[in-house]
């Protein structure tokens, strides 16, 4: 079964987990299904996979703590507005805990 995501925009959140490298395959599959993929990475995720890898896969700038810019649209407010859905993959135990309890 093939899923059609043509015209959809997905925000892929990559967290610091040994499974972070699998997010590359996730991004590739979303793109293959026709979606535009934008990536946001935690500082811990950058220890496992470089942002350059995701930029090459998605052909979009990657949002990191270091790359966030308020003089352009590469910031957490604007990137969230232009995406249809937000997927966190991998979702580390730390991220799940913070999400569950609403920690920033």
PDB file of N, CA and C in Angstrom:
ATOM      1  N   UNK A   1       0.841  -1.178   0.000  1.00  0.00           N
ATOM      2  CA  UNK A   1       0.000   0.000   0.000  1.00  0.00           C
ATOM      3  C   UNK A   1       0.889   1.245   0.000  1.00  0.00           C
ATOM      4  N   UNK A   2       0.616   2.153  -0.920  1.00  0.00           N
ATOM      5  CA  UNK A   2       1.398   3.380  -1.005  1.00  0.00           C
ATOM      6  C   UNK A   2       0.571   4.543  -0.482  1.00  0.00           C
ATOM      7  N   UNK A   3       1.179   5.339   0.372  1.00  0.00           N
ATOM      8  CA  UNK A   3       0.511   6.498   0.953  1.00  0.00           C
ATOM      9  C   UNK A   3       0.862   7.717   0.116  1.00  0.00           C
ATOM     10  N   UNK A   4      -0.127   8.542  -0.175  1.00  0.00           N
ATOM     11  CA  UNK A   4       0.084   9.754  -0.954  1.00  0.00           C
ATOM     12  C   UNK A   4       0.076  10.963  -0.023  1.00  0.00           C
ATOM     13  N   UNK A   5       1.215  11.607   0.101  1.00  0.00           N
ATOM     14  CA  UNK A   5       1.331  12.796   0.932  1.00  0.00           C
ATOM     15  C   UNK A   5       1.609  14.033   0.083  1.00  0.00           C
ATOM     16  N   UNK A   6       1.295  13.952  -1.191  1.00  0.00           N
ATOM     17  CA  UNK A   6       1.579  15.060  -2.107  1.00  0.00           C
ATOM     18  C   UNK A   6       0.917  16.345  -1.608  1.00  0.00           C
ATOM     19  N   UNK A   7       1.716  17.406  -1.546  1.00  0.00           N
ATOM     20  CA  UNK A   7       1.213  18.693  -1.096  1.00  0.00           C
ATOM     21  C   UNK A   7       1.211  18.875   0.411  1.00  0.00           C
ATOM     22  N   UNK A   8       1.569  17.857   1.153  1.00  0.00           N
ATOM     23  CA  UNK A   8       1.612  17.952   2.615  1.00  0.00           C
ATOM     24  C   UNK A   8       3.008  18.377   3.071  1.00  0.00           C
ATOM     25  N   UNK A   9       3.055  19.030   4.205  1.00  0.00           N
ATOM     26  CA  UNK A   9       4.312  19.478   4.778  1.00  0.00           C
ATOM     27  C   UNK A   9       4.433  18.888   6.175  1.00  0.00           C
ATOM     28  N   UNK A  10       5.538  18.187   6.418  1.00  0.00           N
ATOM     29  CA  UNK A  10       5.730  17.493   7.688  1.00  0.00           C
ATOM     30  C   UNK A  10       6.926  18.086   8.417  1.00  0.00           C
ATOM     31  N   UNK A  11       6.729  18.363   9.695  1.00  0.00           N
ATOM     32  CA  UNK A  11       7.814  18.799  10.563  1.00  0.00           C
ATOM     33  C   UNK A  11       8.300  17.576  11.329  1.00  0.00           C
ATOM     34  N   UNK A  12       9.543  17.193  11.098  1.00  0.00           N
ATOM     35  CA  UNK A  12      10.124  16.016  11.734  1.00  0.00           C
ATOM     36  C   UNK A  12      11.031  16.457  12.864  1.00  0.00           C
ATOM     37  N   UNK A  13      10.655  16.126  14.091  1.00  0.00           N
ATOM     38  CA  UNK A  13      11.463  16.437  15.266  1.00  0.00           C
ATOM     39  C   UNK A  13      12.372  15.266  15.578  1.00  0.00           C
ATOM     40  N   UNK A  14      13.671  15.515  15.617  1.00  0.00           N
ATOM     41  CA  UNK A  14      14.645  14.457  15.880  1.00  0.00           C
ATOM     42  C   UNK A  14      15.267  14.710  17.247  1.00  0.00           C
ATOM     43  N   UNK A  15      15.150  13.726  18.135  1.00  0.00           N
ATOM     44  CA  UNK A  15      15.670  13.867  19.496  1.00  0.00           C
ATOM     45  C   UNK A  15      16.929  13.033  19.679  1.00  0.00           C
ATOM     46  N   UNK A  16      17.605  13.260  20.787  1.00  0.00           N
ATOM     47  CA  UNK A  16      18.859  12.585  21.078  1.00  0.00           C
ATOM     48  C   UNK A  16      18.664  11.168  21.557  1.00  0.00           C
ATOM     49  N   UNK A  17      18.755  10.256  20.642  1.00  0.00           N
ATOM     50  CA  UNK A  17      18.618   8.840  20.933  1.00  0.00           C
ATOM     51  C   UNK A  17      19.540   8.103  19.979  1.00  0.00           C
ATOM     52  N   UNK A  18      19.983   6.941  20.349  1.00  0.00           N
ATOM     53  CA  UNK A  18      20.828   6.150  19.465  1.00  0.00           C
ATOM     54  C   UNK A  18      20.086   5.834  18.165  1.00  0.00           C
ATOM     55  N   UNK A  19      18.757   5.898  18.201  1.00  0.00           N
ATOM     56  CA  UNK A  19      17.932   5.634  17.016  1.00  0.00           C
ATOM     57  C   UNK A  19      17.784   6.847  16.109  1.00  0.00           C
ATOM     58  N   UNK A  20      18.461   7.939  16.388  1.00  0.00           N
ATOM     59  CA  UNK A  20      18.322   9.164  15.595  1.00  0.00           C
ATOM     60  C   UNK A  20      18.656   8.931  14.125  1.00  0.00           C
ATOM     61  N   UNK A  21      19.569   8.011  13.853  1.00  0.00           N
ATOM     62  CA  UNK A  21      19.924   7.746  12.459  1.00  0.00           C
ATOM     63  C   UNK A  21      18.743   7.201  11.659  1.00  0.00           C
ATOM     64  N   UNK A  22      17.793   6.563  12.330  1.00  0.00           N
ATOM     65  CA  UNK A  22      16.620   6.026  11.638  1.00  0.00           C
ATOM     66  C   UNK A  22      15.684   7.127  11.152  1.00  0.00           C
ATOM     67  N   UNK A  23      15.801   8.316  11.732  1.00  0.00           N
ATOM     68  CA  UNK A  23      14.986   9.449  11.286  1.00  0.00           C
ATOM     69  C   UNK A  23      15.331   9.833   9.851  1.00  0.00           C
ATOM     70  N   UNK A  24      16.537   9.516   9.405  1.00  0.00           N
ATOM     71  CA  UNK A  24      16.916   9.760   8.007  1.00  0.00           C
ATOM     72  C   UNK A  24      16.028   8.931   7.077  1.00  0.00           C
ATOM     73  N   UNK A  25      15.808   7.674   7.427  1.00  0.00           N
ATOM     74  CA  UNK A  25      14.918   6.819   6.630  1.00  0.00           C
ATOM     75  C   UNK A  25      13.479   7.319   6.688  1.00  0.00           C
ATOM     76  N   UNK A  26      13.067   7.786   7.849  1.00  0.00           N
ATOM     77  CA  UNK A  26      11.714   8.322   7.998  1.00  0.00           C
ATOM     78  C   UNK A  26      11.528   9.519   7.084  1.00  0.00           C
ATOM     79  N   UNK A  27      12.484  10.435   7.073  1.00  0.00           N
ATOM     80  CA  UNK A  27      12.413  11.608   6.199  1.00  0.00           C
ATOM     81  C   UNK A  27      12.373  11.185   4.735  1.00  0.00           C
ATOM     82  N   UNK A  28      13.206  10.229   4.375  1.00  0.00           N
ATOM     83  CA  UNK A  28      13.255   9.746   2.995  1.00  0.00           C
ATOM     84  C   UNK A  28      11.915   9.148   2.567  1.00  0.00           C
ATOM     85  N   UNK A  29      11.284   8.393   3.446  1.00  0.00           N
ATOM     86  CA  UNK A  29       9.987   7.776   3.111  1.00  0.00           C
ATOM     87  C   UNK A  29       8.888   8.828   2.968  1.00  0.00           C
ATOM     88  N   UNK A  30       8.904   9.854   3.819  1.00  0.00           N
ATOM     89  CA  UNK A  30       7.928  10.939   3.680  1.00  0.00           C
ATOM     90  C   UNK A  30       8.102  11.650   2.342  1.00  0.00           C
ATOM     91  N   UNK A  31       9.345  11.903   1.965  1.00  0.00           N
ATOM     92  CA  UNK A  31       9.618  12.571   0.691  1.00  0.00           C
ATOM     93  C   UNK A  31       9.189  11.690  -0.478  1.00  0.00           C
ATOM     94  N   UNK A  32       9.481  10.409  -0.389  1.00  0.00           N
ATOM     95  CA  UNK A  32       9.077   9.458  -1.439  1.00  0.00           C
ATOM     96  C   UNK A  32       7.562   9.444  -1.613  1.00  0.00           C
ATOM     97  N   UNK A  33       6.826   9.665  -0.516  1.00  0.00           N
ATOM     98  CA  UNK A  33       5.357   9.699  -0.567  1.00  0.00           C
ATOM     99  C   UNK A  33       4.837  11.051  -1.045  1.00  0.00           C
ATOM    100  N   UNK A  34       5.742  12.007  -1.322  1.00  0.00           N
ATOM    101  CA  UNK A  34       5.328  13.280  -1.890  1.00  0.00           C
ATOM    102  C   UNK A  34       5.310  14.456  -0.940  1.00  0.00           C
ATOM    103  N   UNK A  35       5.698  14.256   0.295  1.00  0.00           N
ATOM    104  CA  UNK A  35       5.641  15.331   1.289  1.00  0.00           C
ATOM    105  C   UNK A  35       6.886  16.214   1.231  1.00  0.00           C
ATOM    106  N   UNK A  36       6.710  17.423   1.683  1.00  0.00           N
ATOM    107  CA  UNK A  36       7.828  18.323   1.935  1.00  0.00           C
ATOM    108  C   UNK A  36       8.181  18.143   3.405  1.00  0.00           C
ATOM    109  N   UNK A  37       9.461  17.923   3.692  1.00  0.00           N
ATOM    110  CA  UNK A  37       9.873  17.620   5.062  1.00  0.00           C
ATOM    111  C   UNK A  37      10.795  18.717   5.586  1.00  0.00           C
ATOM    112  N   UNK A  38      10.462  19.210   6.767  1.00  0.00           N
ATOM    113  CA  UNK A  38      11.283  20.181   7.483  1.00  0.00           C
ATOM    114  C   UNK A  38      11.712  19.514   8.777  1.00  0.00           C
ATOM    115  N   UNK A  39      12.959  19.732   9.177  1.00  0.00           N
ATOM    116  CA  UNK A  39      13.508  19.031  10.339  1.00  0.00           C
ATOM    117  C   UNK A  39      13.902  20.022  11.425  1.00  0.00           C
ATOM    118  N   UNK A  40      13.569  19.670  12.652  1.00  0.00           N
ATOM    119  CA  UNK A  40      14.049  20.386  13.831  1.00  0.00           C
ATOM    120  C   UNK A  40      14.766  19.348  14.692  1.00  0.00           C
ATOM    121  N   UNK A  41      15.971  19.719  15.166  1.00  0.00           N
ATOM    122  CA  UNK A  41      16.800  18.779  15.920  1.00  0.00           C
ATOM    123  C   UNK A  41      17.166  19.344  17.284  1.00  0.00           C
ATOM    124  N   UNK A  42      17.176  18.487  18.277  1.00  0.00           N
ATOM    125  CA  UNK A  42      17.674  18.884  19.595  1.00  0.00           C
ATOM    126  C   UNK A  42      19.207  18.868  19.567  1.00  0.00           C
ATOM    127  N   UNK A  43      19.839  19.582  20.494  1.00  0.00           N
ATOM    128  CA  UNK A  43      21.300  19.521  20.560  1.00  0.00           C
ATOM    129  C   UNK A  43      21.819  18.088  20.756  1.00  0.00           C
ATOM    130  N   UNK A  44      21.082  17.290  21.497  1.00  0.00           N
ATOM    131  CA  UNK A  44      21.494  15.896  21.713  1.00  0.00           C
ATOM    132  C   UNK A  44      21.412  15.081  20.425  1.00  0.00           C
ATOM    133  N   UNK A  45      20.440  15.372  19.582  1.00  0.00           N
ATOM    134  CA  UNK A  45      20.304  14.654  18.314  1.00  0.00           C
ATOM    135  C   UNK A  45      21.488  14.926  17.402  1.00  0.00           C
ATOM    136  N   UNK A  46      22.033  16.143  17.484  1.00  0.00           N
ATOM    137  CA  UNK A  46      23.168  16.497  16.638  1.00  0.00           C
ATOM    138  C   UNK A  46      24.426  15.710  16.985  1.00  0.00           C
ATOM    139  N   UNK A  47      24.445  15.094  18.132  1.00  0.00           N
ATOM    140  CA  UNK A  47      25.582  14.239  18.500  1.00  0.00           C
ATOM    141  C   UNK A  47      25.544  12.925  17.733  1.00  0.00           C
ATOM    142  N   UNK A  48      24.373  12.539  17.250  1.00  0.00           N
ATOM    143  CA  UNK A  48      24.224  11.260  16.547  1.00  0.00           C
ATOM    144  C   UNK A  48      24.179  11.418  15.024  1.00  0.00           C
ATOM    145  N   UNK A  49      23.519  12.475  14.539  1.00  0.00           N
ATOM    146  CA  UNK A  49      23.373  12.714  13.097  1.00  0.00           C
ATOM    147  C   UNK A  49      23.574  14.202  12.852  1.00  0.00           C
ATOM    148  N   UNK A  50      24.324  14.534  11.829  1.00  0.00           N
ATOM    149  CA  UNK A  50      24.560  15.951  11.557  1.00  0.00           C
ATOM    150  C   UNK A  50      23.371  16.578  10.839  1.00  0.00           C
ATOM    151  N   UNK A  51      23.195  17.879  11.036  1.00  0.00           N
ATOM    152  CA  UNK A  51      22.102  18.568  10.356  1.00  0.00           C
ATOM    153  C   UNK A  51      22.336  18.584   8.855  1.00  0.00           C
ATOM    154  N   UNK A  52      23.578  18.519   8.423  1.00  0.00           N
ATOM    155  CA  UNK A  52      23.901  18.488   7.001  1.00  0.00           C
ATOM    156  C   UNK A  52      23.278  17.272   6.316  1.00  0.00           C
ATOM    157  N   UNK A  53      23.224  16.158   7.015  1.00  0.00           N
ATOM    158  CA  UNK A  53      22.597  14.947   6.466  1.00  0.00           C
ATOM    159  C   UNK A  53      21.128  15.211   6.152  1.00  0.00           C
ATOM    160  N   UNK A  54      20.410  15.827   7.083  1.00  0.00           N
ATOM    161  CA  UNK A  54      18.986  16.104   6.857  1.00  0.00           C
ATOM    162  C   UNK A  54      18.785  17.194   5.815  1.00  0.00           C
ATOM    163  N   UNK A  55      19.680  18.160   5.752  1.00  0.00           N
ATOM    164  CA  UNK A  55      19.566  19.202   4.735  1.00  0.00           C
ATOM    165  C   UNK A  55      19.742  18.615   3.343  1.00  0.00           C
ATOM    166  N   UNK A  56      20.656  17.664   3.202  1.00  0.00           N
ATOM    167  CA  UNK A  56      20.855  17.000   1.916  1.00  0.00           C
ATOM    168  C   UNK A  56      19.646  16.142   1.537  1.00  0.00           C
ATOM    169  N   UNK A  57      19.066  15.453   2.514  1.00  0.00           N
ATOM    170  CA  UNK A  57      17.899  14.601   2.247  1.00  0.00           C
ATOM    171  C   UNK A  57      16.646  15.400   1.899  1.00  0.00           C
ATOM    172  N   UNK A  58      16.402  16.467   2.654  1.00  0.00           N
ATOM    173  CA  UNK A  58      15.134  17.201   2.527  1.00  0.00           C
ATOM    174  C   UNK A  58      15.226  18.419   1.621  1.00  0.00           C
ATOM    175  N   UNK A  59      16.425  18.877   1.381  1.00  0.00           N
ATOM    176  CA  UNK A  59      16.671  20.116   0.616  1.00  0.00           C
ATOM    177  C   UNK A  59      16.032  21.331   1.293  1.00  0.00           C
ATOM    178  N   UNK A  60      15.931  21.263   2.613  1.00  0.00           N
ATOM    179  CA  UNK A  60      15.433  22.375   3.432  1.00  0.00           C
ATOM    180  C   UNK A  60      16.421  22.626   4.560  1.00  0.00           C
ATOM    181  N   UNK A  61      16.516  23.874   4.986  1.00  0.00           N
ATOM    182  CA  UNK A  61      17.371  24.202   6.123  1.00  0.00           C
ATOM    183  C   UNK A  61      16.828  23.523   7.377  1.00  0.00           C
ATOM    184  N   UNK A  62      17.726  23.064   8.217  1.00  0.00           N
ATOM    185  CA  UNK A  62      17.353  22.372   9.451  1.00  0.00           C
ATOM    186  C   UNK A  62      17.376  23.367  10.604  1.00  0.00           C
ATOM    187  N   UNK A  63      16.328  23.317  11.416  1.00  0.00           N
ATOM    188  CA  UNK A  63      16.232  24.181  12.585  1.00  0.00           C
ATOM    189  C   UNK A  63      16.906  23.508  13.774  1.00  0.00           C
ATOM    190  N   UNK A  64      17.920  24.185  14.297  1.00  0.00           N
ATOM    191  CA  UNK A  64      18.606  23.735  15.515  1.00  0.00           C
ATOM    192  C   UNK A  64      18.665  24.917  16.468  1.00  0.00           C
ATOM    193  N   UNK A  65      19.143  24.664  17.644  1.00  0.00           N
ATOM    194  CA  UNK A  65      19.294  25.745  18.617  1.00  0.00           C
ATOM    195  C   UNK A  65      20.234  26.823  18.069  1.00  0.00           C
ATOM    196  N   UNK A  66      21.257  26.408  17.346  1.00  0.00           N
ATOM    197  CA  UNK A  66      22.244  27.337  16.799  1.00  0.00           C
ATOM    198  C   UNK A  66      21.751  28.057  15.544  1.00  0.00           C
ATOM    199  N   UNK A  67      20.894  27.405  14.747  1.00  0.00           N
ATOM    200  CA  UNK A  67      20.486  27.995  13.465  1.00  0.00           C
ATOM    201  C   UNK A  67      19.219  28.842  13.541  1.00  0.00           C
ATOM    202  N   UNK A  68      18.540  28.831  14.689  1.00  0.00           N
ATOM    203  CA  UNK A  68      17.296  29.595  14.798  1.00  0.00           C
ATOM    204  C   UNK A  68      17.568  31.078  14.566  1.00  0.00           C
ATOM    205  N   UNK A  69      16.744  31.683  13.696  1.00  0.00           N
ATOM    206  CA  UNK A  69      16.945  33.085  13.328  1.00  0.00           C
ATOM    207  C   UNK A  69      15.607  33.815  13.333  1.00  0.00           C
ATOM    208  N   UNK A  70      15.568  34.945  14.004  1.00  0.00           N
ATOM    209  CA  UNK A  70      14.347  35.744  14.029  1.00  0.00           C
ATOM    210  C   UNK A  70      14.312  36.758  12.892  1.00  0.00           C
ATOM    211  N   UNK A  71      15.387  36.828  12.117  1.00  0.00           N
ATOM    212  CA  UNK A  71      15.396  37.722  10.960  1.00  0.00           C
ATOM    213  C   UNK A  71      15.014  36.978   9.684  1.00  0.00           C
ATOM    214  N   UNK A  72      14.708  35.693   9.799  1.00  0.00           N
ATOM    215  CA  UNK A  72      14.239  34.890   8.668  1.00  0.00           C
ATOM    216  C   UNK A  72      13.088  34.007   9.148  1.00  0.00           C
ATOM    217  N   UNK A  73      12.653  33.101   8.297  1.00  0.00           N
ATOM    218  CA  UNK A  73      11.558  32.202   8.683  1.00  0.00           C
ATOM    219  C   UNK A  73      12.070  30.912   9.318  1.00  0.00           C
ATOM    220  N   UNK A  74      13.372  30.830   9.587  1.00  0.00           N
ATOM    221  CA  UNK A  74      13.927  29.636  10.228  1.00  0.00           C
ATOM    222  C   UNK A  74      13.899  29.816  11.748  1.00  0.00           C
ATOM    223  N   UNK A  75      12.676  29.753  12.286  1.00  0.00           N
ATOM    224  CA  UNK A  75      12.479  29.819  13.735  1.00  0.00           C
ATOM    225  C   UNK A  75      11.302  28.924  14.096  1.00  0.00           C
ATOM    226  N   UNK A  76      11.176  28.607  15.370  1.00  0.00           N
ATOM    227  CA  UNK A  76      10.189  27.607  15.775  1.00  0.00           C
ATOM    228  C   UNK A  76       8.744  28.059  15.572  1.00  0.00           C
ATOM    229  N   UNK A  77       8.486  29.334  15.509  1.00  0.00           N
ATOM    230  CA  UNK A  77       7.114  29.813  15.277  1.00  0.00           C
ATOM    231  C   UNK A  77       6.733  29.636  13.808  1.00  0.00           C
ATOM    232  N   UNK A  78       7.552  30.170  12.922  1.00  0.00           N
ATOM    233  CA  UNK A  78       7.240  30.124  11.488  1.00  0.00           C
ATOM    234  C   UNK A  78       7.265  28.715  10.910  1.00  0.00           C
ATOM    235  N   UNK A  79       8.208  27.895  11.343  1.00  0.00           N
ATOM    236  CA  UNK A  79       8.285  26.541  10.789  1.00  0.00           C
ATOM    237  C   UNK A  79       7.060  25.721  11.200  1.00  0.00           C
ATOM    238  N   UNK A  80       6.567  25.945  12.395  1.00  0.00           N
ATOM    239  CA  UNK A  80       5.364  25.244  12.842  1.00  0.00           C
ATOM    240  C   UNK A  80       4.119  25.665  12.088  1.00  0.00           C
ATOM    241  N   UNK A  81       4.051  26.933  11.686  1.00  0.00           N
ATOM    242  CA  UNK A  81       2.890  27.442  10.950  1.00  0.00           C
ATOM    243  C   UNK A  81       2.782  26.867   9.547  1.00  0.00           C
ATOM    244  N   UNK A  82       3.918  26.567   8.914  1.00  0.00           N
ATOM    245  CA  UNK A  82       3.840  26.119   7.524  1.00  0.00           C
ATOM    246  C   UNK A  82       3.770  24.603   7.371  1.00  0.00           C
ATOM    247  N   UNK A  83       3.747  23.877   8.476  1.00  0.00           N
ATOM    248  CA  UNK A  83       3.676  22.418   8.412  1.00  0.00           C
ATOM    249  C   UNK A  83       2.294  21.918   8.813  1.00  0.00           C
ATOM    250  N   UNK A  84       1.882  20.826   8.174  1.00  0.00           N
ATOM    251  CA  UNK A  84       0.569  20.236   8.446  1.00  0.00           C
ATOM    252  C   UNK A  84       0.565  19.355   9.684  1.00  0.00           C
ATOM    253  N   UNK A  85       1.682  18.713   9.954  1.00  0.00           N
ATOM    254  CA  UNK A  85       1.747  17.806  11.097  1.00  0.00           C
ATOM    255  C   UNK A  85       3.170  17.785  11.659  1.00  0.00           C
ATOM    256  N   UNK A  86       3.277  17.369  12.910  1.00  0.00           N
ATOM    257  CA  UNK A  86       4.562  17.298  13.608  1.00  0.00           C
ATOM    258  C   UNK A  86       4.768  15.860  14.062  1.00  0.00           C
ATOM    259  N   UNK A  87       5.873  15.272  13.628  1.00  0.00           N
ATOM    260  CA  UNK A  87       6.211  13.900  13.986  1.00  0.00           C
ATOM    261  C   UNK A  87       7.528  13.923  14.746  1.00  0.00           C
ATOM    262  N   UNK A  88       7.567  13.315  15.923  1.00  0.00           N
ATOM    263  CA  UNK A  88       8.811  13.203  16.675  1.00  0.00           C
ATOM    264  C   UNK A  88       9.314  11.770  16.518  1.00  0.00           C
ATOM    265  N   UNK A  89      10.476  11.658  15.880  1.00  0.00           N
ATOM    266  CA  UNK A  89      11.031  10.325  15.634  1.00  0.00           C
ATOM    267  C   UNK A  89      12.548  10.407  15.586  1.00  0.00           C
ATOM    268  N   UNK A  90      13.250   9.787  16.448  1.00  0.00           N
ATOM    269  CA  UNK A  90      12.756   8.971  17.552  1.00  0.00           C
ATOM    270  C   UNK A  90      12.322   9.846  18.721  1.00  0.00           C
ATOM    271  N   UNK A  91      11.407   9.363  19.476  1.00  0.00           N
ATOM    272  CA  UNK A  91      10.952  10.060  20.677  1.00  0.00           C
ATOM    273  C   UNK A  91      11.663   9.409  21.868  1.00  0.00           C
ATOM    274  N   UNK A  92      12.695  10.073  22.341  1.00  0.00           N
ATOM    275  CA  UNK A  92      13.459   9.521  23.465  1.00  0.00           C
ATOM    276  C   UNK A  92      12.588   9.504  24.725  1.00  0.00           C
ATOM    277  N   UNK A  93      12.998   8.723  25.700  1.00  0.00           N
ATOM    278  CA  UNK A  93      12.261   8.656  26.968  1.00  0.00           C
ATOM    279  C   UNK A  93      12.205  10.036  27.617  1.00  0.00           C
ATOM    280  N   UNK A  94      13.276  10.794  27.507  1.00  0.00           N
ATOM    281  CA  UNK A  94      13.323  12.134  28.071  1.00  0.00           C
ATOM    282  C   UNK A  94      12.287  13.038  27.399  1.00  0.00           C
ATOM    283  N   UNK A  95      12.208  12.964  26.077  1.00  0.00           N
ATOM    284  CA  UNK A  95      11.238  13.786  25.336  1.00  0.00           C
ATOM    285  C   UNK A  95       9.808  13.380  25.663  1.00  0.00           C
ATOM    286  N   UNK A  96       9.546  12.092  25.732  1.00  0.00           N
ATOM    287  CA  UNK A  96       8.198  11.627  26.090  1.00  0.00           C
ATOM    288  C   UNK A  96       7.806  12.126  27.483  1.00  0.00           C
ATOM    289  N   UNK A  97       8.730  12.082  28.419  1.00  0.00           N
ATOM    290  CA  UNK A  97       8.468  12.545  29.776  1.00  0.00           C
ATOM    291  C   UNK A  97       8.180  14.050  29.791  1.00  0.00           C
ATOM    292  N   UNK A  98       8.991  14.825  29.077  1.00  0.00           N
ATOM    293  CA  UNK A  98       8.777  16.273  29.020  1.00  0.00           C
ATOM    294  C   UNK A  98       7.437  16.607  28.367  1.00  0.00           C
ATOM    295  N   UNK A  99       7.073  15.886  27.334  1.00  0.00           N
ATOM    296  CA  UNK A  99       5.803  16.105  26.650  1.00  0.00           C
ATOM    297  C   UNK A  99       4.632  15.759  27.565  1.00  0.00           C
ATOM    298  N   UNK A 100       4.728  14.637  28.244  1.00  0.00           N
ATOM    299  CA  UNK A 100       3.667  14.177  29.135  1.00  0.00           C
ATOM    300  C   UNK A 100       3.389  15.187  30.250  1.00  0.00           C
ATOM    301  N   UNK A 101       4.455  15.735  30.831  1.00  0.00           N
ATOM    302  CA  UNK A 101       4.297  16.632  31.977  1.00  0.00           C
ATOM    303  C   UNK A 101       4.367  18.105  31.617  1.00  0.00           C
ATOM    304  N   UNK A 102       4.494  18.423  30.330  1.00  0.00           N
ATOM    305  CA  UNK A 102       4.474  19.811  29.875  1.00  0.00           C
ATOM    306  C   UNK A 102       5.701  20.618  30.245  1.00  0.00           C
ATOM    307  N   UNK A 103       6.852  19.957  30.372  1.00  0.00           N
ATOM    308  CA  UNK A 103       8.080  20.680  30.685  1.00  0.00           C
ATOM    309  C   UNK A 103       8.634  21.335  29.425  1.00  0.00           C
ATOM    310  N   UNK A 104       9.182  22.520  29.580  1.00  0.00           N
ATOM    311  CA  UNK A 104       9.792  23.223  28.436  1.00  0.00           C
ATOM    312  C   UNK A 104      11.267  22.929  28.381  1.00  0.00           C
TER     313      UNK A 104
END
